[in-house]
Amino acid sequence: MRRRTIGMLAAAAVAGLTVAGAPAAGAAPSTAGDAVASVWRNVALTGTYTIRDDEGIFAAGTYCNGNVASEGWVNEVRTPSVWWETTCGGEIRVEKHVSAETDAGGGVMIYVTLRFYEGTNDTNTDLDAEYNFNRYVPAGQTSTVSEITLRNGENGGKDWAKLNLVLHNNR
């Protein structure tokens, strides 16, 4: 099992990518001038999360657990959008932003940004940790990303979120 612990802001920008809304039928033919043929793919991200909120009068020592599940249709290059978010303890919010880029063979490069916000409420904009990664997933296959930990560095890392993800490239 690979483990990654991310503190404060370990940001790497993922620029110029998006998630599409609805699929078109089939793939567009490629011409000599095209870099990549247009191929629609159904991409899903599933897995689990655990969040610990160590601060607050009523929420101290609160643990939240659940499933991370989202999907969307992607085609060529799309910009990132929020595919999933959850809150815990009244002051922590975790978001998963996803974008993707398909290739002519039906494979997809999936770009993921995980964001950890901790403040005075669960709608705050106090970004305390961010982690970016990407994975290429061939058509009809999956890729597992084991235990990514996002920590709030402001209180000694006692507020955190751990995620285990599976990236799916469905037919």
C-alpha atoms as a PDB file:
ATOM      1  CA  MET A   1       0.000   0.000   0.000  1.00  0.00           C
ATOM      2  CA  ARG A   2       1.349   3.392  -0.978  1.00  0.00           C
ATOM      3  CA  ARG A   3       0.721   6.223   1.482  1.00  0.00           C
ATOM      4  CA  ARG A   4       0.992   9.921   0.844  1.00  0.00           C
ATOM      5  CA  THR A   5       0.715  12.588   3.511  1.00  0.00           C
ATOM      6  CA  ILE A   6       0.103  16.096   2.273  1.00  0.00           C
ATOM      7  CA  GLY A   7       0.572  19.158   4.463  1.00  0.00           C
ATOM      8  CA  MET A   8      -0.478  22.751   4.038  1.00  0.00           C
ATOM      9  CA  LEU A   9      -0.525  23.648   0.330  1.00  0.00           C
ATOM     10  CA  ALA A  10       1.302  21.260  -1.951  1.00  0.00           C
ATOM     11  CA  ALA A  11      -0.238  22.728  -5.052  1.00  0.00           C
ATOM     12  CA  ALA A  12       0.503  21.904  -8.630  1.00  0.00           C
ATOM     13  CA  ALA A  13      -1.815  23.604 -11.094  1.00  0.00           C
ATOM     14  CA  VAL A  14      -3.845  21.558 -13.518  1.00  0.00           C
ATOM     15  CA  ALA A  15      -4.809  24.015 -16.217  1.00  0.00           C
ATOM     16  CA  GLY A  16      -6.997  23.907 -19.292  1.00  0.00           C
ATOM     17  CA  LEU A  17      -9.033  20.730 -18.634  1.00  0.00           C
ATOM     18  CA  THR A  18     -12.841  20.143 -18.223  1.00  0.00           C
ATOM     19  CA  VAL A  19     -15.528  17.603 -17.627  1.00  0.00           C
ATOM     20  CA  ALA A  20     -18.244  17.312 -20.232  1.00  0.00           C
ATOM     21  CA  GLY A  21     -21.940  17.059 -19.539  1.00  0.00           C
ATOM     22  CA  ALA A  22     -23.502  14.511 -21.871  1.00  0.00           C
ATOM     23  CA  PRO A  23     -22.150  11.975 -24.340  1.00  0.00           C
ATOM     24  CA  ALA A  24     -22.397  12.135 -28.086  1.00  0.00           C
ATOM     25  CA  ALA A  25     -22.953   8.957 -30.022  1.00  0.00           C
ATOM     26  CA  GLY A  26     -19.779   7.258 -31.228  1.00  0.00           C
ATOM     27  CA  ALA A  27     -16.414   8.722 -32.002  1.00  0.00           C
ATOM     28  CA  ALA A  28     -15.666  11.425 -34.534  1.00  0.00           C
ATOM     29  CA  PRO A  29     -13.340  10.361 -37.319  1.00  0.00           C
ATOM     30  CA  SER A  30      -9.808  11.650 -37.116  1.00  0.00           C
ATOM     31  CA  THR A  31      -8.301  13.617 -39.969  1.00  0.00           C
ATOM     32  CA  ALA A  32      -4.631  14.089 -40.740  1.00  0.00           C
ATOM     33  CA  GLY A  33      -4.651  17.541 -39.094  1.00  0.00           C
ATOM     34  CA  ASP A  34      -6.316  16.359 -35.864  1.00  0.00           C
ATOM     35  CA  ALA A  35      -4.083  15.488 -32.916  1.00  0.00           C
ATOM     36  CA  VAL A  36      -6.699  13.260 -31.241  1.00  0.00           C
ATOM     37  CA  ALA A  37      -9.987  11.756 -32.398  1.00  0.00           C
ATOM     38  CA  SER A  38     -13.107  12.688 -30.437  1.00  0.00           C
ATOM     39  CA  VAL A  39     -14.001   9.772 -28.126  1.00  0.00           C
ATOM     40  CA  TRP A  40     -16.617   9.962 -25.360  1.00  0.00           C
ATOM     41  CA  ARG A  41     -15.843   7.966 -22.181  1.00  0.00           C
ATOM     42  CA  ASN A  42     -17.772   7.409 -18.965  1.00  0.00           C
ATOM     43  CA  VAL A  43     -15.327   8.057 -16.121  1.00  0.00           C
ATOM     44  CA  ALA A  44     -16.139   7.192 -12.490  1.00  0.00           C
ATOM     45  CA  LEU A  45     -14.229   7.775  -9.261  1.00  0.00           C
ATOM     46  CA  THR A  46     -15.238   5.590  -6.332  1.00  0.00           C
ATOM     47  CA  GLY A  47     -13.746   4.799  -2.945  1.00  0.00           C
ATOM     48  CA  THR A  48     -13.946   5.697   0.727  1.00  0.00           C
ATOM     49  CA  TYR A  49     -13.031   8.573   3.026  1.00  0.00           C
ATOM     50  CA  THR A  50     -12.448   9.197   6.714  1.00  0.00           C
ATOM     51  CA  ILE A  51     -12.258  12.745   8.105  1.00  0.00           C
ATOM     52  CA  ARG A  52     -11.235  13.808  11.619  1.00  0.00           C
ATOM     53  CA  ASP A  53     -12.274  17.164  13.069  1.00  0.00           C
ATOM     54  CA  ASP A  54     -10.262  17.718  16.250  1.00  0.00           C
ATOM     55  CA  GLU A  55     -11.326  21.302  16.987  1.00  0.00           C
ATOM     56  CA  GLY A  56     -14.428  23.072  18.177  1.00  0.00           C
ATOM     57  CA  ILE A  57     -16.598  23.025  21.270  1.00  0.00           C
ATOM     58  CA  PHE A  58     -19.120  20.452  20.055  1.00  0.00           C
ATOM     59  CA  ALA A  59     -17.219  18.745  17.229  1.00  0.00           C
ATOM     60  CA  ALA A  60     -13.884  17.956  18.915  1.00  0.00           C
ATOM     61  CA  GLY A  61     -12.848  14.414  18.126  1.00  0.00           C
ATOM     62  CA  THR A  62     -15.535  13.948  15.457  1.00  0.00           C
ATOM     63  CA  TYR A  63     -14.934  11.287  12.798  1.00  0.00           C
ATOM     64  CA  CYS A  64     -16.885  11.148   9.548  1.00  0.00           C
ATOM     65  CA  ASN A  65     -16.758   8.178   7.152  1.00  0.00           C
ATOM     66  CA  GLY A  66     -18.384   7.468   3.837  1.00  0.00           C
ATOM     67  CA  ASN A  67     -18.144   6.699   0.168  1.00  0.00           C
ATOM     68  CA  VAL A  68     -16.610   8.830  -2.536  1.00  0.00           C
ATOM     69  CA  ALA A  69     -18.618   8.201  -5.677  1.00  0.00           C
ATOM     70  CA  SER A  70     -18.991  10.351  -8.766  1.00  0.00           C
ATOM     71  CA  GLU A  71     -19.050   9.922 -12.517  1.00  0.00           C
ATOM     72  CA  GLY A  72     -19.257  11.925 -15.694  1.00  0.00           C
ATOM     73  CA  TRP A  73     -18.866  11.776 -19.443  1.00  0.00           C
ATOM     74  CA  VAL A  74     -15.622  13.177 -20.826  1.00  0.00           C
ATOM     75  CA  ASN A  75     -14.446  13.928 -24.339  1.00  0.00           C
ATOM     76  CA  GLU A  76     -11.067  15.291 -25.382  1.00  0.00           C
ATOM     77  CA  VAL A  77      -9.764  18.016 -23.047  1.00  0.00           C
ATOM     78  CA  ARG A  78     -12.021  19.565 -20.384  1.00  0.00           C
ATOM     79  CA  THR A  79     -11.509  22.002 -17.484  1.00  0.00           C
ATOM     80  CA  PRO A  80     -11.770  20.777 -13.879  1.00  0.00           C
ATOM     81  CA  SER A  81     -15.042  20.911 -12.003  1.00  0.00           C
ATOM     82  CA  VAL A  82     -16.209  19.751  -8.585  1.00  0.00           C
ATOM     83  CA  TRP A  83     -17.393  16.135  -8.873  1.00  0.00           C
ATOM     84  CA  TRP A  84     -17.840  15.498  -5.151  1.00  0.00           C
ATOM     85  CA  GLU A  85     -17.651  17.248  -1.791  1.00  0.00           C
ATOM     86  CA  THR A  86     -18.458  16.434   1.828  1.00  0.00           C
ATOM     87  CA  THR A  87     -18.303  18.137   5.225  1.00  0.00           C
ATOM     88  CA  CYS A  88     -17.462  17.027   8.758  1.00  0.00           C
ATOM     89  CA  GLY A  89     -17.785  18.535  12.236  1.00  0.00           C
ATOM     90  CA  GLY A  90     -19.260  21.813  11.027  1.00  0.00           C
ATOM     91  CA  GLU A  91     -15.921  23.324   9.960  1.00  0.00           C
ATOM     92  CA  ILE A  92     -14.228  20.921   7.497  1.00  0.00           C
ATOM     93  CA  ARG A  93     -14.997  20.504   3.806  1.00  0.00           C
ATOM     94  CA  VAL A  94     -13.245  18.158   1.371  1.00  0.00           C
ATOM     95  CA  GLU A  95     -13.670  18.561  -2.392  1.00  0.00           C
ATOM     96  CA  LYS A  96     -12.704  16.377  -5.346  1.00  0.00           C
ATOM     97  CA  HIS A  97     -12.187  18.251  -8.634  1.00  0.00           C
ATOM     98  CA  VAL A  98     -11.845  16.132 -11.779  1.00  0.00           C
ATOM     99  CA  SER A  99     -10.972  16.664 -15.409  1.00  0.00           C
ATOM    100  CA  ALA A 100      -9.937  14.276 -18.142  1.00  0.00           C
ATOM    101  CA  GLU A 101      -8.448  13.923 -21.578  1.00  0.00           C
ATOM    102  CA  THR A 102      -9.417  11.056 -23.872  1.00  0.00           C
ATOM    103  CA  ASP A 103      -7.377   9.495 -26.637  1.00  0.00           C
ATOM    104  CA  ALA A 104      -8.436   7.857 -29.919  1.00  0.00           C
ATOM    105  CA  GLY A 105      -8.090   4.351 -28.421  1.00  0.00           C
ATOM    106  CA  GLY A 106     -10.610   5.024 -25.647  1.00  0.00           C
ATOM    107  CA  GLY A 107      -7.996   5.530 -22.925  1.00  0.00           C
ATOM    108  CA  VAL A 108      -8.337   8.502 -20.626  1.00  0.00           C
ATOM    109  CA  MET A 109      -5.900  10.581 -18.590  1.00  0.00           C
ATOM    110  CA  ILE A 110      -7.784  11.527 -15.413  1.00  0.00           C
ATOM    111  CA  TYR A 111      -6.636  14.605 -13.488  1.00  0.00           C
ATOM    112  CA  VAL A 112      -7.725  14.884  -9.843  1.00  0.00           C
ATOM    113  CA  THR A 113      -7.338  17.722  -7.332  1.00  0.00           C
ATOM    114  CA  LEU A 114      -8.290  17.061  -3.703  1.00  0.00           C
ATOM    115  CA  ARG A 115      -8.868  20.107  -1.488  1.00  0.00           C
ATOM    116  CA  PHE A 116      -9.140  20.283   2.317  1.00  0.00           C
ATOM    117  CA  TYR A 117     -10.772  23.373   3.847  1.00  0.00           C
ATOM    118  CA  GLU A 118     -10.874  23.990   7.622  1.00  0.00           C
ATOM    119  CA  GLY A 119     -12.213  27.113   9.266  1.00  0.00           C
ATOM    120  CA  THR A 120     -15.111  28.382  11.356  1.00  0.00           C
ATOM    121  CA  ASN A 121     -17.832  26.689   9.266  1.00  0.00           C
ATOM    122  CA  ASP A 122     -18.145  24.137   6.449  1.00  0.00           C
ATOM    123  CA  THR A 123     -18.555  26.796   3.729  1.00  0.00           C
ATOM    124  CA  ASN A 124     -15.272  28.553   4.545  1.00  0.00           C
ATOM    125  CA  THR A 125     -12.602  29.327   1.945  1.00  0.00           C
ATOM    126  CA  ASP A 126      -9.611  28.594   4.207  1.00  0.00           C
ATOM    127  CA  LEU A 127      -7.733  26.113   1.999  1.00  0.00           C
ATOM    128  CA  ASP A 128      -5.344  24.158   4.240  1.00  0.00           C
ATOM    129  CA  ALA A 129      -4.211  21.324   1.975  1.00  0.00           C
ATOM    130  CA  GLU A 130      -4.358  20.414  -1.698  1.00  0.00           C
ATOM    131  CA  TYR A 131      -3.126  17.379  -3.582  1.00  0.00           C
ATOM    132  CA  ASN A 132      -2.997  16.879  -7.353  1.00  0.00           C
ATOM    133  CA  PHE A 133      -2.427  13.657  -9.253  1.00  0.00           C
ATOM    134  CA  ASN A 134      -3.191  12.150 -12.622  1.00  0.00           C
ATOM    135  CA  ARG A 135      -3.531   8.612 -13.925  1.00  0.00           C
ATOM    136  CA  TYR A 136      -3.875   7.105 -17.366  1.00  0.00           C
ATOM    137  CA  VAL A 137      -6.592   4.441 -17.422  1.00  0.00           C
ATOM    138  CA  PRO A 138      -6.989   2.299 -20.562  1.00  0.00           C
ATOM    139  CA  ALA A 139     -10.496   1.638 -21.933  1.00  0.00           C
ATOM    140  CA  GLY A 140     -12.553  -0.675 -19.722  1.00  0.00           C
ATOM    141  CA  GLN A 141     -10.018  -0.729 -16.874  1.00  0.00           C
ATOM    142  CA  THR A 142      -9.495   0.734 -13.394  1.00  0.00           C
ATOM    143  CA  SER A 143      -6.613   2.221 -11.409  1.00  0.00           C
ATOM    144  CA  THR A 144      -6.377   2.279  -7.596  1.00  0.00           C
ATOM    145  CA  VAL A 145      -4.909   5.190  -5.615  1.00  0.00           C
ATOM    146  CA  SER A 146      -4.279   4.094  -2.022  1.00  0.00           C
ATOM    147  CA  GLU A 147      -4.572   6.301   1.050  1.00  0.00           C
ATOM    148  CA  ILE A 148      -4.016   9.939   0.312  1.00  0.00           C
ATOM    149  CA  THR A 149      -3.937  11.982   3.538  1.00  0.00           C
ATOM    150  CA  LEU A 150      -4.676  15.712   3.612  1.00  0.00           C
ATOM    151  CA  ARG A 151      -3.719  17.471   6.878  1.00  0.00           C
ATOM    152  CA  ASN A 152      -4.396  20.868   8.372  1.00  0.00           C
ATOM    153  CA  GLY A 153      -0.982  22.207   9.400  1.00  0.00           C
ATOM    154  CA  GLU A 154      -2.435  24.973  11.593  1.00  0.00           C
ATOM    155  CA  ASN A 155      -3.293  22.783  14.595  1.00  0.00           C
ATOM    156  CA  GLY A 156      -0.504  20.243  14.424  1.00  0.00           C
ATOM    157  CA  GLY A 157      -2.168  18.060  11.809  1.00  0.00           C
ATOM    158  CA  LYS A 158      -4.978  16.907  14.110  1.00  0.00           C
ATOM    159  CA  ASP A 159      -7.636  17.743  11.486  1.00  0.00           C
ATOM    160  CA  TRP A 160      -7.238  15.446   8.489  1.00  0.00           C
ATOM    161  CA  ALA A 161      -8.931  13.540   5.684  1.00  0.00           C
ATOM    162  CA  LYS A 162      -7.875  10.159   4.275  1.00  0.00           C
ATOM    163  CA  LEU A 163      -9.144   8.993   0.897  1.00  0.00           C
ATOM    164  CA  ASN A 164      -8.788   5.733  -1.032  1.00  0.00           C
ATOM    165  CA  LEU A 165      -9.864   6.046  -4.665  1.00  0.00           C
ATOM    166  CA  VAL A 166     -10.504   3.835  -7.663  1.00  0.00           C
ATOM    167  CA  LEU A 167     -10.544   5.489 -11.101  1.00  0.00           C
ATOM    168  CA  HIS A 168     -12.770   3.754 -13.687  1.00  0.00           C
ATOM    169  CA  ASN A 169     -12.739   4.155 -17.469  1.00  0.00           C
ATOM    170  CA  ASN A 170     -16.048   2.540 -18.418  1.00  0.00           C
ATOM    171  CA  ARG A 171     -17.037   1.589 -21.907  1.00  0.00           C
END
